PDB file of N, CA and C in Angstrom:
ATOM      1  N   MET A   1     -90.829  62.578-274.859  1.00  0.00           N
ATOM      2  CA  MET A   1     -89.900  62.600-273.645  1.00  0.00           C
ATOM      3  C   MET A   1     -90.589  62.815-272.407  1.00  0.00           C
ATOM      4  N   ALA A   2     -90.257  61.939-271.415  1.00  0.00           N
ATOM      5  CA  ALA A   2     -90.838  62.303-270.125  1.00  0.00           C
ATOM      6  C   ALA A   2     -90.342  63.342-269.458  1.00  0.00           C
ATOM      7  N   GLU A   3     -91.276  64.006-268.563  1.00  0.00           N
ATOM      8  CA  GLU A   3     -90.845  65.166-267.723  1.00  0.00           C
ATOM      9  C   GLU A   3     -90.591  64.730-266.355  1.00  0.00           C
ATOM     10  N   LEU A   4     -89.648  65.468-265.682  1.00  0.00           N
ATOM     11  CA  LEU A   4     -89.093  65.296-264.461  1.00  0.00           C
ATOM     12  C   LEU A   4     -89.026  66.617-263.772  1.00  0.00           C
ATOM     13  N   THR A   5     -89.572  66.851-262.609  1.00  0.00           N
ATOM     14  CA  THR A   5     -89.454  68.205-261.948  1.00  0.00           C
ATOM     15  C   THR A   5     -88.653  67.891-260.505  1.00  0.00           C
ATOM     16  N   ILE A   6     -87.569  68.726-260.264  1.00  0.00           N
ATOM     17  CA  ILE A   6     -86.885  68.477-259.046  1.00  0.00           C
ATOM     18  C   ILE A   6     -86.688  70.038-258.443  1.00  0.00           C
ATOM     19  N   SER A   7     -86.501  69.694-257.175  1.00  0.00           N
ATOM     20  CA  SER A   7     -86.242  71.040-256.301  1.00  0.00           C
ATOM     21  C   SER A   7     -84.603  70.907-255.874  1.00  0.00           C
ATOM     22  N   ILE A   8     -83.838  72.013-255.966  1.00  0.00           N
ATOM     23  CA  ILE A   8     -82.528  72.038-255.470  1.00  0.00           C
ATOM     24  C   ILE A   8     -82.248  73.131-254.708  1.00  0.00           C
ATOM     25  N   PRO A   9     -81.377  72.935-253.733  1.00  0.00           N
ATOM     26  CA  PRO A   9     -80.922  74.364-252.996  1.00  0.00           C
ATOM     27  C   PRO A   9     -80.394  75.419-253.837  1.00  0.00           C
ATOM     28  N   PRO A  10     -80.535  76.705-253.412  1.00  0.00           N
ATOM     29  CA  PRO A  10     -80.039  77.549-254.335  1.00  0.00           C
ATOM     30  C   PRO A  10     -78.468  77.393-254.654  1.00  0.00           C
ATOM     31  N   ALA A  11     -77.778  76.923-253.696  1.00  0.00           N
ATOM     32  CA  ALA A  11     -76.222  76.783-254.040  1.00  0.00           C
ATOM     33  C   ALA A  11     -75.935  75.823-255.295  1.00  0.00           C
ATOM     34  N   LEU A  12     -76.802  74.876-255.323  1.00  0.00           N
ATOM     35  CA  LEU A  12     -76.803  73.948-256.550  1.00  0.00           C
ATOM     36  C   LEU A  12     -77.308  74.595-257.619  1.00  0.00           C
ATOM     37  N   LYS A  13     -78.324  75.330-257.506  1.00  0.00           N
ATOM     38  CA  LYS A  13     -78.985  76.067-258.642  1.00  0.00           C
ATOM     39  C   LYS A  13     -77.819  77.055-259.292  1.00  0.00           C
ATOM     40  N   THR A  14     -77.258  77.545-258.394  1.00  0.00           N
ATOM     41  CA  THR A  14     -76.137  78.552-258.804  1.00  0.00           C
ATOM     42  C   THR A  14     -75.030  77.727-259.539  1.00  0.00           C
ATOM     43  N   TRP A  15     -74.556  76.674-259.159  1.00  0.00           N
ATOM     44  CA  TRP A  15     -73.772  75.800-259.763  1.00  0.00           C
ATOM     45  C   TRP A  15     -74.088  75.426-261.132  1.00  0.00           C
ATOM     46  N   VAL A  16     -75.356  74.866-261.248  1.00  0.00           N
ATOM     47  CA  VAL A  16     -75.928  74.508-262.487  1.00  0.00           C
ATOM     48  C   VAL A  16     -75.929  75.676-263.512  1.00  0.00           C
ATOM     49  N   ASP A  17     -76.317  76.842-262.995  1.00  0.00           N
ATOM     50  CA  ASP A  17     -76.351  78.101-263.755  1.00  0.00           C
ATOM     51  C   ASP A  17     -74.939  78.341-264.324  1.00  0.00           C
ATOM     52  N   ALA A  18     -74.149  78.363-263.512  1.00  0.00           N
ATOM     53  CA  ALA A  18     -72.755  78.533-263.715  1.00  0.00           C
ATOM     54  C   ALA A  18     -72.331  77.680-264.973  1.00  0.00           C
ATOM     55  N   ARG A  19     -72.603  76.244-264.909  1.00  0.00           N
ATOM     56  CA  ARG A  19     -72.103  75.359-265.860  1.00  0.00           C
ATOM     57  C   ARG A  19     -72.726  75.647-267.118  1.00  0.00           C
ATOM     58  N   VAL A  20     -74.015  76.030-267.178  1.00  0.00           N
ATOM     59  CA  VAL A  20     -74.783  76.272-268.416  1.00  0.00           C
ATOM     60  C   VAL A  20     -74.012  77.482-268.940  1.00  0.00           C
ATOM     61  N   ALA A  21     -73.770  78.570-268.136  1.00  0.00           N
ATOM     62  CA  ALA A  21     -73.023  79.763-268.665  1.00  0.00           C
ATOM     63  C   ALA A  21     -71.836  79.537-269.305  1.00  0.00           C
ATOM     64  N   GLN A  22     -71.169  78.429-268.913  1.00  0.00           N
ATOM     65  CA  GLN A  22     -69.914  78.199-269.615  1.00  0.00           C
ATOM     66  C   GLN A  22     -70.104  77.726-270.948  1.00  0.00           C
ATOM     67  N   GLY A  23     -71.322  77.416-271.332  1.00  0.00           N
ATOM     68  CA  GLY A  23     -71.700  76.940-272.718  1.00  0.00           C
ATOM     69  C   GLY A  23     -71.442  75.628-273.220  1.00  0.00           C
ATOM     70  N   LEU A  24     -71.274  74.731-272.109  1.00  0.00           N
ATOM     71  CA  LEU A  24     -71.037  73.294-272.184  1.00  0.00           C
ATOM     72  C   LEU A  24     -72.444  72.589-272.442  1.00  0.00           C
ATOM     73  N   TYR A  25     -73.396  73.368-271.906  1.00  0.00           N
ATOM     74  CA  TYR A  25     -74.686  72.602-271.936  1.00  0.00           C
ATOM     75  C   TYR A  25     -75.797  73.829-272.204  1.00  0.00           C
ATOM     76  N   SER A  26     -76.586  73.366-273.064  1.00  0.00           N
ATOM     77  CA  SER A  26     -77.783  74.432-273.516  1.00  0.00           C
ATOM     78  C   SER A  26     -78.560  74.964-272.430  1.00  0.00           C
ATOM     79  N   ASP A  27     -78.925  74.289-271.318  1.00  0.00           N
ATOM     80  CA  ASP A  27     -79.720  74.581-270.508  1.00  0.00           C
ATOM     81  C   ASP A  27     -79.615  73.520-269.099  1.00  0.00           C
ATOM     82  N   ALA A  28     -80.255  73.778-268.023  1.00  0.00           N
ATOM     83  CA  ALA A  28     -80.196  73.093-266.970  1.00  0.00           C
ATOM     84  C   ALA A  28     -80.650  71.634-267.319  1.00  0.00           C
ATOM     85  N   ALA A  29     -81.674  71.476-267.990  1.00  0.00           N
ATOM     86  CA  ALA A  29     -82.151  70.134-268.241  1.00  0.00           C
ATOM     87  C   ALA A  29     -80.950  69.383-269.078  1.00  0.00           C
ATOM     88  N   ASP A  30     -80.401  69.922-269.996  1.00  0.00           N
ATOM     89  CA  ASP A  30     -79.240  69.322-270.825  1.00  0.00           C
ATOM     90  C   ASP A  30     -78.055  68.928-269.697  1.00  0.00           C
ATOM     91  N   TYR A  31     -77.824  69.614-268.811  1.00  0.00           N
ATOM     92  CA  TYR A  31     -76.882  69.457-267.866  1.00  0.00           C
ATOM     93  C   TYR A  31     -77.199  68.179-267.001  1.00  0.00           C
ATOM     94  N   VAL A  32     -78.569  68.125-266.597  1.00  0.00           N
ATOM     95  CA  VAL A  32     -78.918  67.006-265.722  1.00  0.00           C
ATOM     96  C   VAL A  32     -78.694  65.692-266.471  1.00  0.00           C
ATOM     97  N   ARG A  33     -79.449  65.884-267.757  1.00  0.00           N
ATOM     98  CA  ARG A  33     -79.252  64.733-268.699  1.00  0.00           C
ATOM     99  C   ARG A  33     -77.842  64.077-268.836  1.00  0.00           C
ATOM    100  N   ALA A  34     -76.788  65.105-268.907  1.00  0.00           N
ATOM    101  CA  ALA A  34     -75.475  64.699-268.922  1.00  0.00           C
ATOM    102  C   ALA A  34     -74.969  63.932-267.793  1.00  0.00           C
ATOM    103  N   LEU A  35     -75.355  64.319-266.600  1.00  0.00           N
ATOM    104  CA  LEU A  35     -74.967  63.931-265.360  1.00  0.00           C
ATOM    105  C   LEU A  35     -75.605  62.521-265.248  1.00  0.00           C
ATOM    106  N   VAL A  36     -76.954  62.353-265.578  1.00  0.00           N
ATOM    107  CA  VAL A  36     -77.517  60.905-265.603  1.00  0.00           C
ATOM    108  C   VAL A  36     -76.834  60.183-266.444  1.00  0.00           C
ATOM    109  N   ARG A  37     -76.575  60.487-267.630  1.00  0.00           N
ATOM    110  CA  ARG A  37     -75.702  59.586-268.801  1.00  0.00           C
ATOM    111  C   ARG A  37     -74.447  59.141-268.055  1.00  0.00           C
ATOM    112  N   GLN A  38     -73.652  60.175-267.561  1.00  0.00           N
ATOM    113  CA  GLN A  38     -72.476  59.728-266.941  1.00  0.00           C
ATOM    114  C   GLN A  38     -72.573  58.824-265.781  1.00  0.00           C
ATOM    115  N   ASP A  39     -73.703  58.937-264.911  1.00  0.00           N
ATOM    116  CA  ASP A  39     -73.994  57.905-263.764  1.00  0.00           C
ATOM    117  C   ASP A  39     -74.212  56.432-264.471  1.00  0.00           C
ATOM    118  N   GLN A  40     -75.029  56.525-265.494  1.00  0.00           N
ATOM    119  CA  GLN A  40     -75.379  55.077-266.212  1.00  0.00           C
ATOM    120  C   GLN A  40     -73.959  54.683-266.680  1.00  0.00           C
ATOM    121  N   GLU A  41     -73.162  55.361-267.417  1.00  0.00           N
ATOM    122  CA  GLU A  41     -71.818  54.794-267.884  1.00  0.00           C
ATOM    123  C   GLU A  41     -70.986  54.265-266.655  1.00  0.00           C
ATOM    124  N   GLN A  42     -70.900  55.179-265.616  1.00  0.00           N
ATOM    125  CA  GLN A  42     -70.069  54.624-264.423  1.00  0.00           C
ATOM    126  C   GLN A  42     -70.700  53.442-263.689  1.00  0.00           C
ATOM    127  N   ALA A  43     -71.878  53.271-263.766  1.00  0.00           N
ATOM    128  CA  ALA A  43     -72.653  52.054-263.042  1.00  0.00           C
ATOM    129  C   ALA A  43     -72.411  50.899-264.044  1.00  0.00           C
ATOM    130  N   ALA A  44     -72.363  51.003-265.289  1.00  0.00           N
ATOM    131  CA  ALA A  44     -72.081  49.859-266.314  1.00  0.00           C
ATOM    132  C   ALA A  44     -70.362  49.515-266.262  1.00  0.00           C
ATOM    133  N   GLU A  45     -69.817  50.520-265.946  1.00  0.00           N
ATOM    134  CA  GLU A  45     -68.199  50.326-265.711  1.00  0.00           C
ATOM    135  C   GLU A  45     -68.058  49.554-264.514  1.00  0.00           C
ATOM    136  N   ASP A  46     -68.637  49.867-263.303  1.00  0.00           N
ATOM    137  CA  ASP A  46     -68.498  49.284-262.108  1.00  0.00           C
ATOM    138  C   ASP A  46     -69.145  47.834-262.152  1.00  0.00           C
ATOM    139  N   SER A  47     -70.176  47.652-262.821  1.00  0.00           N
ATOM    140  CA  SER A  47     -70.639  46.362-262.990  1.00  0.00           C
ATOM    141  C   SER A  47     -69.823  45.431-263.691  1.00  0.00           C
ATOM    142  N   ALA A  48     -69.176  46.027-264.862  1.00  0.00           N
ATOM    143  CA  ALA A  48     -68.315  45.139-265.633  1.00  0.00           C
ATOM    144  C   ALA A  48     -66.987  44.813-264.846  1.00  0.00           C
ATOM    145  N   TRP A  49     -66.644  45.830-264.093  1.00  0.00           N
ATOM    146  CA  TRP A  49     -65.312  45.563-263.059  1.00  0.00           C
ATOM    147  C   TRP A  49     -65.693  44.424-262.118  1.00  0.00           C
ATOM    148  N   LEU A  50     -66.808  44.791-261.518  1.00  0.00           N
ATOM    149  CA  LEU A  50     -67.066  43.665-260.586  1.00  0.00           C
ATOM    150  C   LEU A  50     -67.208  42.253-261.249  1.00  0.00           C
ATOM    151  N   LYS A  51     -67.846  42.134-262.271  1.00  0.00           N
ATOM    152  CA  LYS A  51     -68.096  40.784-262.933  1.00  0.00           C
ATOM    153  C   LYS A  51     -66.725  40.323-263.234  1.00  0.00           C
ATOM    154  N   ALA A  52     -65.726  41.160-263.698  1.00  0.00           N
ATOM    155  CA  ALA A  52     -64.414  40.768-264.147  1.00  0.00           C
ATOM    156  C   ALA A  52     -63.673  40.122-262.857  1.00  0.00           C
ATOM    157  N   GLN A  53     -63.853  40.892-261.737  1.00  0.00           N
ATOM    158  CA  GLN A  53     -63.154  40.429-260.504  1.00  0.00           C
ATOM    159  C   GLN A  53     -63.853  39.112-260.095  1.00  0.00           C
ATOM    160  N   ILE A  54     -65.054  38.886-260.196  1.00  0.00           N
ATOM    161  CA  ILE A  54     -65.834  37.626-259.818  1.00  0.00           C
ATOM    162  C   ILE A  54     -65.183  36.507-260.812  1.00  0.00           C
ATOM    163  N   ASP A  55     -65.078  36.917-262.075  1.00  0.00           N
ATOM    164  CA  ASP A  55     -64.702  35.761-263.054  1.00  0.00           C
ATOM    165  C   ASP A  55     -63.113  35.378-262.597  1.00  0.00           C
ATOM    166  N   GLU A  56     -62.398  36.413-262.416  1.00  0.00           N
ATOM    167  CA  GLU A  56     -60.890  36.067-261.984  1.00  0.00           C
ATOM    168  C   GLU A  56     -60.880  35.284-260.828  1.00  0.00           C
ATOM    169  N   GLY A  57     -61.670  35.619-259.778  1.00  0.00           N
ATOM    170  CA  GLY A  57     -61.682  34.772-258.775  1.00  0.00           C
ATOM    171  C   GLY A  57     -62.052  33.360-258.823  1.00  0.00           C
ATOM    172  N   LEU A  58     -63.234  33.166-259.689  1.00  0.00           N
ATOM    173  CA  LEU A  58     -63.544  31.843-259.926  1.00  0.00           C
ATOM    174  C   LEU A  58     -62.671  31.114-260.738  1.00  0.00           C
ATOM    175  N   LYS A  59     -62.070  31.671-261.703  1.00  0.00           N
ATOM    176  CA  LYS A  59     -60.869  31.057-262.366  1.00  0.00           C
ATOM    177  C   LYS A  59     -59.762  30.603-261.536  1.00  0.00           C
ATOM    178  N   SER A  60     -59.426  31.352-260.444  1.00  0.00           N
ATOM    179  CA  SER A  60     -58.336  31.052-259.626  1.00  0.00           C
ATOM    180  C   SER A  60     -58.499  29.854-258.984  1.00  0.00           C
ATOM    181  N   ARG A  61     -59.787  29.669-258.611  1.00  0.00           N
ATOM    182  CA  ARG A  61     -60.180  28.411-257.605  1.00  0.00           C
ATOM    183  C   ARG A  61     -59.523  28.538-256.332  1.00  0.00           C
ATOM    184  N   ILE A  62     -58.995  29.571-255.891  1.00  0.00           N
ATOM    185  CA  ILE A  62     -58.342  29.707-254.774  1.00  0.00           C
ATOM    186  C   ILE A  62     -59.144  30.672-253.729  1.00  0.00           C
ATOM    187  N   LEU A  63     -59.468  30.406-252.636  1.00  0.00           N
ATOM    188  CA  LEU A  63     -60.325  31.182-251.640  1.00  0.00           C
ATOM    189  C   LEU A  63     -59.799  30.994-250.279  1.00  0.00           C
ATOM    190  N   ASN A  64     -58.855  31.882-249.723  1.00  0.00           N
ATOM    191  CA  ASN A  64     -58.482  31.921-248.369  1.00  0.00           C
ATOM    192  C   ASN A  64     -59.344  32.555-247.561  1.00  0.00           C
ATOM    193  N   SER A  65     -60.133  33.264-247.910  1.00  0.00           N
ATOM    194  CA  SER A  65     -61.152  34.091-247.137  1.00  0.00           C
ATOM    195  C   SER A  65     -62.550  33.572-247.068  1.00  0.00           C
ATOM    196  N   GLU A  66     -63.379  34.075-246.391  1.00  0.00           N
ATOM    197  CA  GLU A  66     -64.776  33.802-246.598  1.00  0.00           C
ATOM    198  C   GLU A  66     -65.427  34.871-247.538  1.00  0.00           C
ATOM    199  N   PRO A  67     -66.388  34.286-248.351  1.00  0.00           N
ATOM    200  CA  PRO A  67     -66.834  35.363-249.317  1.00  0.00           C
ATOM    201  C   PRO A  67     -67.379  36.751-248.991  1.00  0.00           C
ATOM    202  N   GLU A  68     -68.089  36.620-247.568  1.00  0.00           N
ATOM    203  CA  GLU A  68     -68.478  37.895-247.080  1.00  0.00           C
ATOM    204  C   GLU A  68     -67.148  38.950-246.796  1.00  0.00           C
ATOM    205  N   ASP A  69     -66.161  38.375-246.314  1.00  0.00           N
ATOM    206  CA  ASP A  69     -64.944  38.994-246.104  1.00  0.00           C
ATOM    207  C   ASP A  69     -64.304  39.728-247.485  1.00  0.00           C
ATOM    208  N   VAL A  70     -64.513  38.702-248.476  1.00  0.00           N
ATOM    209  CA  VAL A  70     -64.031  39.434-249.716  1.00  0.00           C
ATOM    210  C   VAL A  70     -64.706  40.565-250.300  1.00  0.00           C
ATOM    211  N   LEU A  71     -66.088  40.454-250.191  1.00  0.00           N
ATOM    212  CA  LEU A  71     -67.095  41.347-250.523  1.00  0.00           C
ATOM    213  C   LEU A  71     -66.950  42.730-249.625  1.00  0.00           C
ATOM    214  N   ASP A  72     -66.639  42.573-248.264  1.00  0.00           N
ATOM    215  CA  ASP A  72     -66.511  43.593-247.495  1.00  0.00           C
ATOM    216  C   ASP A  72     -65.248  44.399-247.897  1.00  0.00           C
ATOM    217  N   ALA A  73     -64.204  43.740-248.330  1.00  0.00           N
ATOM    218  CA  ALA A  73     -62.828  44.392-248.522  1.00  0.00           C
ATOM    219  C   ALA A  73     -63.194  45.206-249.928  1.00  0.00           C
ATOM    220  N   VAL A  74     -63.820  44.657-251.052  1.00  0.00           N
ATOM    221  CA  VAL A  74     -64.163  45.122-252.130  1.00  0.00           C
ATOM    222  C   VAL A  74     -65.019  46.391-251.820  1.00  0.00           C
ATOM    223  N   MET A  75     -66.035  46.357-251.088  1.00  0.00           N
ATOM    224  CA  MET A  75     -66.821  47.379-250.831  1.00  0.00           C
ATOM    225  C   MET A  75     -66.092  48.473-249.961  1.00  0.00           C
ATOM    226  N   ASP A  76     -65.028  48.131-249.102  1.00  0.00           N
ATOM    227  CA  ASP A  76     -64.310  49.113-248.420  1.00  0.00           C
ATOM    228  C   ASP A  76     -63.327  50.012-249.414  1.00  0.00           C
ATOM    229  N   GLU A  77     -63.023  49.298-250.546  1.00  0.00           N
ATOM    230  CA  GLU A  77     -62.320  50.143-251.582  1.00  0.00           C
ATOM    231  C   GLU A  77     -63.173  51.104-252.163  1.00  0.00           C
ATOM    232  N   ASP A  78     -64.449  50.984-252.299  1.00  0.00           N
ATOM    233  CA  ASP A  78     -65.430  52.111-252.950  1.00  0.00           C
ATOM    234  C   ASP A  78     -66.407  52.054-252.145  1.00  0.00           C
ATOM    235  N   PRO A  79     -66.686  53.038-251.149  1.00  0.00           N
ATOM    236  CA  PRO A  79     -67.845  53.181-250.254  1.00  0.00           C
ATOM    237  C   PRO A  79     -69.155  53.268-251.248  1.00  0.00           C
ATOM    238  N   ASP A  80     -69.242  53.791-252.192  1.00  0.00           N
ATOM    239  CA  ASP A  80     -70.364  54.001-253.091  1.00  0.00           C
ATOM    240  C   ASP A  80     -71.000  52.534-253.381  1.00  0.00           C
ATOM    241  N   LEU A  81     -70.187  51.489-253.280  1.00  0.00           N
ATOM    242  CA  LEU A  81     -70.929  50.037-253.611  1.00  0.00           C
ATOM    243  C   LEU A  81     -71.639  49.674-252.418  1.00  0.00           C
ATOM    244  N   ARG A  82     -71.474  50.347-251.489  1.00  0.00           N
ATOM    245  CA  ARG A  82     -72.487  49.955-250.156  1.00  0.00           C
ATOM    246  C   ARG A  82     -73.721  50.402-250.325  1.00  0.00           C
ATOM    247  N   GLY A  83     -73.999  51.277-251.217  1.00  0.00           N
ATOM    248  CA  GLY A  83     -75.334  51.749-251.666  1.00  0.00           C
ATOM    249  C   GLY A  83     -75.948  52.771-250.557  1.00  0.00           C
TER     250      GLY A  83
END
């Protein structure tokens, strides 16, 4: 398994320690791995949603707006898509 070392502020360390103390995770590394997996799953869901939206749009063959305007509207709904 690869090793990753990170630094976090004390407030985040306190949060991680509290989550581990709740017994949901065996240690801080287990908690971080769970968060990364959750992020991977969310990214896959976001990608599938976007692909479905594109497919739906292509099937409709109707476009009253410029593609850039459509993308801006989609990204306005979810600021995380702007990167």
